[in-house]
Amino acid sequence: MLTQTLPRSTAFAALEALARDRILILDGAMGTQIQQLGLSEADFLGRGSGCACRHATDHPQKGNNDLLVLTQPQAIEEIHFRYAMAGADIVETNTFSATTIAQADYGLEGAVFDLNAAGARVARAAMDRAEATDGRRRFVAGAVGPTNRTASLSPDVNDPGYRAVTFDDLRTAYGQQVRGLIAGGADILLIETIFDTLNAKAAIFACFEAFAERGERLPVMISGTITDASGRTLSGQTPTAFWHSVAHARPFTVGLNCALGASAMRPHLAELAGVAGCAICAYPNAGLPNAFGQYDETPDQTAAQVAEFAREGLINVVGGCCGTTPDHIRAIAAAVKPFPPRALS
């Protein structure tokens, strides 16, 4: 990529230096924390909060967590702040589904730039508060989710050649998202929960188009998800194949998140760490969900398993995904502190 020759942001150099010195801590689940707020439809719309949604839609919004950066910004900022004070060096913006593709379900395609810019600003405000409290620099990772469509697989079993979305559709949607995140002040772009590497490649393309416009390259973190015991992504790639598909982006980190708990993730993470030429990031779920969709793994249980990643020299960045809380992140940070990060060449 020609944009690889662009100057790197100051955050890029700072992150690389920190990652050579110690294992960095990523935050935990946003959805788990939002669920505990018990918000109503009126809350999602911001009625009575002074932050009413200014984007017209006749779709119900309860469950559209991304909208809360506009309608309940103080609540989202507080969640970010709690994760930072629990030990997180990097927090993810609340923008996992903030693309035109995903927001079409809520009739808010026109709100995408605002959602991402606001998501980055809210996270930045929380990190500035945390830094003012303890003097530690924190970083904002703009969360870029996979969308609810796949470019590699047909959703119609009767028409294997059909695709519900094209590469250019994804590239355009991700481009809008990325530009909003950068405008809002994101330090990092995190392409996460990748089940289809073609979707991820469209996101990477969009990132580098935005970097070329900006004249500066931000660090990119890329995180896939292994969907079951087969050890492959939904689109069929092993961790090794996944790395070779995204290595051209020269990411700050590559890694795995979601779908699995730490114990089940370990062999796949070890495979990735054996081939990747960059820092490794892992943020597993708090185990597997129970029959009610809840996560029962305690902070100490999750932390003990994640400590094995560190003891084996597999990771540079670690955090939590579904079911994890600030208490999980605090326990993880303490558990990995004695260990050096995975060696980088």
Protein backbone atom coordinates (compact mmCIF):
# COMPACT_ATOMS: atom_id res chain seq x y z
CA MET A 1 0.00 0.00 0.00
CA LEU A 2 1.32 3.43 -0.92
CA THR A 3 -0.16 4.83 2.29
CA GLN A 4 2.31 2.74 4.28
CA THR A 5 4.80 5.56 3.59
CA LEU A 6 2.62 8.14 5.36
CA PRO A 7 3.93 9.60 8.62
CA ARG A 8 2.60 7.82 11.68
CA SER A 9 0.58 9.52 14.38
CA THR A 10 2.17 10.34 17.72
CA ALA A 11 -0.15 7.81 19.36
CA PHE A 12 1.30 5.09 17.12
CA ALA A 13 4.83 5.63 18.38
CA ALA A 14 3.66 5.89 21.99
CA LEU A 15 1.70 2.64 21.79
CA GLU A 16 4.59 0.74 20.22
CA ALA A 17 6.94 1.94 22.95
CA LEU A 18 4.50 0.93 25.70
CA ALA A 19 3.84 -2.46 24.11
CA ARG A 20 7.56 -3.26 24.20
CA ASP A 21 7.71 -2.37 27.89
CA ARG A 22 4.66 -4.17 29.30
CA ILE A 23 1.41 -5.92 28.46
CA LEU A 24 -1.22 -3.29 27.67
CA ILE A 25 -4.76 -3.59 28.97
CA LEU A 26 -7.86 -3.26 26.80
CA ASP A 27 -11.31 -2.63 28.28
CA GLY A 28 -14.21 -5.07 28.67
CA ALA A 29 -17.75 -5.47 27.37
CA MET A 30 -19.86 -2.38 26.72
CA GLY A 31 -23.13 -4.27 26.19
CA THR A 32 -22.94 -5.94 29.59
CA GLN A 33 -22.67 -2.54 31.26
CA ILE A 34 -25.46 -0.97 29.19
CA GLN A 35 -27.83 -3.82 30.02
CA GLN A 36 -27.35 -3.09 33.72
CA LEU A 37 -28.66 0.45 33.19
CA GLY A 38 -32.15 -0.90 32.43
CA LEU A 39 -32.86 1.76 29.81
CA SER A 40 -36.31 2.23 28.26
CA GLU A 41 -37.28 3.22 24.72
CA ALA A 42 -37.60 6.81 25.93
CA ASP A 43 -34.08 6.62 27.38
CA PHE A 44 -32.65 5.38 24.10
CA LEU A 45 -34.34 8.32 22.35
CA GLY A 46 -32.97 10.71 24.95
CA ARG A 47 -36.33 12.04 26.03
CA GLY A 48 -35.98 14.17 29.13
CA SER A 49 -32.18 13.92 29.12
CA GLY A 50 -31.52 17.11 27.22
CA CYS A 51 -29.92 14.97 24.49
CA ALA A 52 -32.94 13.94 22.43
CA CYS A 53 -32.09 12.15 19.18
CA ARG A 54 -32.00 14.77 16.43
CA HIS A 55 -32.08 12.21 13.65
CA ALA A 56 -35.64 11.45 12.56
CA THR A 57 -36.70 7.80 12.53
CA ASP A 58 -39.92 5.89 13.02
CA HIS A 59 -38.11 2.68 14.05
CA PRO A 60 -37.96 1.52 17.68
CA GLN A 61 -34.52 2.28 19.12
CA LYS A 62 -34.34 0.20 22.30
CA GLY A 63 -31.33 -2.05 21.85
CA ASN A 64 -29.51 0.35 19.53
CA ASN A 65 -26.61 0.77 21.94
CA ASP A 66 -24.60 2.91 19.54
CA LEU A 67 -27.29 5.63 19.69
CA LEU A 68 -26.56 6.18 23.38
CA VAL A 69 -23.41 8.16 22.57
CA LEU A 70 -25.84 10.86 21.37
CA THR A 71 -28.77 10.40 23.74
CA GLN A 72 -27.08 9.22 26.99
CA PRO A 73 -23.48 10.43 26.60
CA GLN A 74 -22.86 10.83 30.33
CA ALA A 75 -23.80 7.19 30.99
CA ILE A 76 -21.47 5.94 28.24
CA GLU A 77 -18.66 8.21 29.39
CA GLU A 78 -18.99 6.83 32.90
CA ILE A 79 -18.68 3.24 31.62
CA HIS A 80 -15.50 4.16 29.72
CA PHE A 81 -14.15 5.93 32.81
CA ARG A 82 -14.78 2.92 35.06
CA TYR A 83 -12.86 0.67 32.66
CA ALA A 84 -9.97 3.14 32.56
CA MET A 85 -9.81 3.30 36.33
CA ALA A 86 -9.94 -0.51 36.47
CA GLY A 87 -6.65 -0.54 34.57
CA ALA A 88 -7.47 -0.19 30.87
CA ASP A 89 -4.87 1.60 28.75
CA ILE A 90 -7.12 1.41 25.69
CA VAL A 91 -10.92 1.77 25.62
CA GLU A 92 -13.13 1.01 22.63
CA THR A 93 -15.72 3.47 21.41
CA ASN A 94 -19.36 2.47 21.65
CA THR A 95 -19.66 2.25 17.85
CA PHE A 96 -19.63 -1.48 17.12
CA SER A 97 -22.72 -1.24 14.85
CA ALA A 98 -22.33 2.37 13.72
CA THR A 99 -22.32 1.75 9.96
CA THR A 100 -25.04 2.53 7.45
CA ILE A 101 -25.43 -1.23 6.91
CA ALA A 102 -26.09 -2.05 10.56
CA GLN A 103 -27.99 1.16 11.37
CA ALA A 104 -30.44 0.45 8.53
CA ASP A 105 -32.21 -1.85 11.01
CA TYR A 106 -33.00 1.27 13.05
CA GLY A 107 -33.59 3.72 10.20
CA LEU A 108 -30.58 5.78 11.25
CA GLU A 109 -28.30 5.51 8.23
CA GLY A 110 -28.07 9.29 8.15
CA ALA A 111 -26.74 9.42 11.71
CA VAL A 112 -23.59 7.38 11.09
CA PHE A 113 -21.02 10.18 10.98
CA ASP A 114 -22.48 11.77 14.11
CA LEU A 115 -22.59 8.44 15.94
CA ASN A 116 -18.92 7.75 15.31
CA ALA A 117 -17.65 11.25 15.94
CA ALA A 118 -19.66 11.44 19.17
CA GLY A 119 -18.54 7.95 20.19
CA ALA A 120 -14.90 8.99 19.91
CA ARG A 121 -15.48 12.29 21.72
CA VAL A 122 -17.29 10.61 24.63
CA ALA A 123 -14.49 8.06 25.03
CA ARG A 124 -11.87 10.79 24.77
CA ALA A 125 -13.58 12.80 27.52
CA ALA A 126 -13.52 9.74 29.79
CA MET A 127 -9.84 9.09 29.08
CA ASP A 128 -8.95 12.72 29.75
CA ARG A 129 -10.73 12.43 33.12
CA ALA A 130 -8.83 9.25 33.92
CA GLU A 131 -5.48 10.78 32.97
CA ALA A 132 -6.24 13.83 35.10
CA THR A 133 -6.96 11.48 38.00
CA ASP A 134 -3.82 9.34 37.95
CA GLY A 135 -1.49 10.80 35.32
CA ARG A 136 -1.53 7.72 33.06
CA ARG A 137 -2.02 8.25 29.35
CA ARG A 138 -4.99 6.40 27.87
CA PHE A 139 -5.88 5.70 24.23
CA VAL A 140 -9.20 5.63 22.38
CA ALA A 141 -9.75 2.78 19.91
CA GLY A 142 -12.46 3.45 17.35
CA ALA A 143 -14.48 0.22 17.29
CA VAL A 144 -15.31 -0.99 13.77
CA GLY A 145 -17.63 -4.01 13.91
CA PRO A 146 -18.21 -6.65 11.22
CA THR A 147 -21.73 -5.45 10.19
CA ASN A 148 -24.61 -7.93 10.01
CA ARG A 149 -23.77 -9.03 6.46
CA THR A 150 -21.04 -11.16 4.94
CA ALA A 151 -19.32 -10.59 1.61
CA SER A 152 -18.01 -14.17 1.30
CA LEU A 153 -21.07 -16.26 2.06
CA SER A 154 -24.60 -16.45 0.70
CA PRO A 155 -27.46 -15.98 3.17
CA ASP A 156 -29.66 -18.02 0.81
CA VAL A 157 -29.06 -21.77 0.91
CA ASN A 158 -30.91 -22.07 -2.40
CA ASP A 159 -28.59 -19.60 -4.14
CA PRO A 160 -24.94 -20.12 -3.11
CA GLY A 161 -23.75 -17.40 -5.50
CA TYR A 162 -25.91 -14.68 -3.97
CA ARG A 163 -24.31 -11.99 -1.80
CA ALA A 164 -26.26 -9.58 0.39
CA VAL A 165 -23.44 -7.03 0.29
CA THR A 166 -20.51 -6.21 -2.01
CA PHE A 167 -16.95 -5.23 -1.23
CA ASP A 168 -17.63 -1.69 -2.43
CA ASP A 169 -20.77 -1.48 -0.26
CA LEU A 170 -18.66 -2.38 2.75
CA ARG A 171 -15.80 -0.13 1.78
CA THR A 172 -18.16 2.84 1.49
CA ALA A 173 -19.93 2.07 4.77
CA TYR A 174 -16.68 1.56 6.66
CA GLY A 175 -15.26 4.72 5.11
CA GLN A 176 -18.09 6.79 6.58
CA GLN A 177 -17.56 5.16 9.97
CA VAL A 178 -13.79 5.58 10.00
CA ARG A 179 -13.94 9.23 8.99
CA GLY A 180 -16.34 9.92 11.85
CA LEU A 181 -14.11 8.14 14.36
CA ILE A 182 -11.04 10.06 13.22
CA ALA A 183 -12.93 13.36 13.32
CA GLY A 184 -13.98 12.61 16.90
CA GLY A 185 -10.40 12.04 18.01
CA ALA A 186 -9.83 8.25 17.95
CA ASP A 187 -6.16 7.32 18.44
CA ILE A 188 -6.53 3.79 17.02
CA LEU A 189 -8.88 2.01 14.62
CA LEU A 190 -9.94 -1.43 15.87
CA ILE A 191 -11.46 -3.73 13.23
CA GLU A 192 -12.95 -6.40 15.45
CA THR A 193 -15.01 -9.58 15.78
CA ILE A 194 -14.13 -10.50 12.20
CA PHE A 195 -16.04 -13.56 11.02
CA ASP A 196 -15.48 -12.84 7.30
CA THR A 197 -12.01 -11.69 6.29
CA LEU A 198 -13.33 -10.12 3.09
CA ASN A 199 -15.38 -7.73 5.25
CA ALA A 200 -12.20 -6.95 7.20
CA LYS A 201 -10.25 -6.29 4.01
CA ALA A 202 -12.90 -3.76 2.98
CA ALA A 203 -12.51 -2.08 6.37
CA ILE A 204 -8.73 -2.02 6.00
CA PHE A 205 -9.08 -0.47 2.55
CA ALA A 206 -11.40 2.19 3.97
CA CYS A 207 -8.95 2.96 6.79
CA PHE A 208 -6.08 3.55 4.42
CA GLU A 209 -8.19 5.70 2.13
CA ALA A 210 -8.98 7.86 5.16
CA PHE A 211 -5.31 7.95 6.17
CA ALA A 212 -4.34 9.13 2.69
CA GLU A 213 -6.88 11.96 2.93
CA ARG A 214 -5.57 12.89 6.38
CA GLY A 215 -1.90 12.62 5.46
CA GLU A 216 -1.21 10.57 8.58
CA ARG A 217 -1.47 6.91 9.53
CA LEU A 218 -3.17 5.77 12.72
CA PRO A 219 -2.43 2.40 14.32
CA VAL A 220 -4.82 -0.34 13.22
CA MET A 221 -5.77 -3.28 15.43
CA ILE A 222 -7.33 -6.31 13.72
CA SER A 223 -9.21 -8.97 15.69
CA GLY A 224 -10.85 -12.08 14.31
CA THR A 225 -13.28 -14.45 15.95
CA ILE A 226 -13.06 -18.24 15.93
CA THR A 227 -16.66 -19.37 15.83
CA ASP A 228 -16.44 -22.94 17.14
CA ALA A 229 -14.19 -25.89 17.97
CA SER A 230 -13.12 -26.18 14.33
CA GLY A 231 -10.60 -23.43 14.96
CA ARG A 232 -11.78 -21.42 11.96
CA THR A 233 -13.59 -18.18 11.29
CA LEU A 234 -17.12 -18.35 9.88
CA SER A 235 -15.70 -17.86 6.38
CA GLY A 236 -13.40 -20.84 6.90
CA GLN A 237 -9.96 -19.48 7.71
CA THR A 238 -7.54 -20.85 10.26
CA PRO A 239 -5.64 -18.30 12.42
CA THR A 240 -2.60 -18.71 10.16
CA ALA A 241 -4.60 -18.05 7.00
CA PHE A 242 -6.29 -15.10 8.69
CA TRP A 243 -2.92 -13.52 9.47
CA HIS A 244 -1.64 -13.92 5.92
CA SER A 245 -4.84 -12.30 4.63
CA VAL A 246 -4.40 -9.13 6.70
CA ALA A 247 -0.62 -8.90 7.09
CA HIS A 248 -0.40 -6.40 4.22
CA ALA A 249 -2.00 -3.79 6.50
CA ARG A 250 1.02 -4.00 8.84
CA PRO A 251 -1.28 -3.70 11.85
CA PHE A 252 -0.24 -2.58 15.30
CA THR A 253 -1.88 -5.75 16.63
CA VAL A 254 -3.62 -8.81 15.30
CA GLY A 255 -5.58 -11.12 17.54
CA LEU A 256 -8.78 -12.83 18.56
CA ASN A 257 -11.89 -11.84 20.49
CA CYS A 258 -15.40 -13.00 21.30
CA ALA A 259 -17.13 -16.39 20.69
CA LEU A 260 -14.81 -18.30 23.03
CA GLY A 261 -13.68 -18.10 26.62
CA ALA A 262 -9.99 -17.79 27.38
CA SER A 263 -9.31 -21.51 27.83
CA ALA A 264 -10.86 -22.45 24.48
CA MET A 265 -9.14 -19.51 22.75
CA ARG A 266 -5.62 -20.39 23.89
CA PRO A 267 -4.58 -22.91 21.18
CA HIS A 268 -5.85 -20.65 18.39
CA LEU A 269 -4.09 -17.65 19.92
CA ALA A 270 -0.87 -19.67 20.19
CA GLU A 271 -1.12 -20.53 16.49
CA LEU A 272 -1.57 -16.88 15.59
CA ALA A 273 1.30 -15.79 17.83
CA GLY A 274 3.51 -18.33 16.07
CA VAL A 275 3.12 -16.70 12.67
CA ALA A 276 2.21 -13.02 13.16
CA GLY A 277 4.86 -10.38 12.67
CA CYS A 278 3.24 -7.81 14.96
CA ALA A 279 1.92 -7.47 18.50
CA ILE A 280 -0.79 -9.92 19.61
CA CYS A 281 -4.07 -8.88 21.22
CA ALA A 282 -6.63 -11.15 22.89
CA TYR A 283 -9.92 -10.34 24.56
CA PRO A 284 -11.97 -13.45 25.28
CA ASN A 285 -15.49 -13.72 26.66
CA ALA A 286 -16.08 -14.46 30.32
CA GLY A 287 -16.47 -18.12 29.43
CA LEU A 288 -19.43 -19.38 27.43
CA PRO A 289 -23.00 -18.15 28.01
CA ASN A 290 -25.35 -20.23 30.12
CA ALA A 291 -28.85 -21.31 29.08
CA PHE A 292 -30.13 -17.79 29.76
CA GLY A 293 -27.42 -16.07 27.73
CA GLN A 294 -25.59 -14.87 30.84
CA TYR A 295 -21.89 -15.23 31.59
CA ASP A 296 -21.03 -16.94 34.87
CA GLU A 297 -17.24 -16.81 34.86
CA THR A 298 -15.96 -14.69 37.74
CA PRO A 299 -13.21 -12.07 37.38
CA ASP A 300 -10.73 -14.34 39.18
CA GLN A 301 -11.57 -17.29 36.95
CA THR A 302 -11.15 -15.29 33.75
CA ALA A 303 -7.97 -13.63 35.00
CA ALA A 304 -6.37 -16.94 35.94
CA GLN A 305 -6.89 -18.27 32.41
CA VAL A 306 -5.68 -15.06 30.76
CA ALA A 307 -2.57 -15.13 32.96
CA GLU A 308 -1.62 -18.33 31.12
CA PHE A 309 -1.50 -16.33 27.86
CA ALA A 310 1.00 -14.00 29.52
CA ARG A 311 3.00 -16.78 31.20
CA GLU A 312 3.44 -18.46 27.81
CA GLY A 313 4.59 -15.22 26.17
CA LEU A 314 1.66 -15.03 23.73
CA ILE A 315 0.31 -11.51 24.20
CA ASN A 316 1.05 -7.80 24.07
CA VAL A 317 -2.48 -6.48 24.64
CA VAL A 318 -5.25 -8.19 26.61
CA GLY A 319 -8.78 -7.38 27.74
CA GLY A 320 -12.26 -8.84 27.84
CA CYS A 321 -15.22 -9.28 25.52
CA CYS A 322 -18.80 -10.45 26.21
CA GLY A 323 -19.73 -10.77 29.87
CA THR A 324 -16.65 -9.01 31.21
CA THR A 325 -16.93 -6.06 33.59
CA PRO A 326 -14.58 -3.51 35.17
CA ASP A 327 -13.94 -6.09 37.89
CA HIS A 328 -12.81 -8.58 35.24
CA ILE A 329 -10.46 -6.00 33.72
CA ARG A 330 -9.04 -5.10 37.13
CA ALA A 331 -8.36 -8.79 37.84
CA ILE A 332 -6.85 -9.36 34.38
CA ALA A 333 -4.55 -6.33 34.76
CA ALA A 334 -3.29 -7.63 38.09
CA ALA A 335 -2.86 -11.18 36.78
CA VAL A 336 -0.69 -10.25 33.80
CA LYS A 337 1.34 -7.53 35.49
CA PRO A 338 4.20 -9.84 36.57
CA PHE A 339 4.83 -11.06 33.04
CA PRO A 340 6.72 -9.40 30.17
CA PRO A 341 4.97 -8.86 26.83
CA ARG A 342 5.50 -11.16 23.88
CA ALA A 343 8.84 -10.33 22.32
CA LEU A 344 8.73 -8.22 19.17
CA SER A 345 11.46 -8.20 16.56
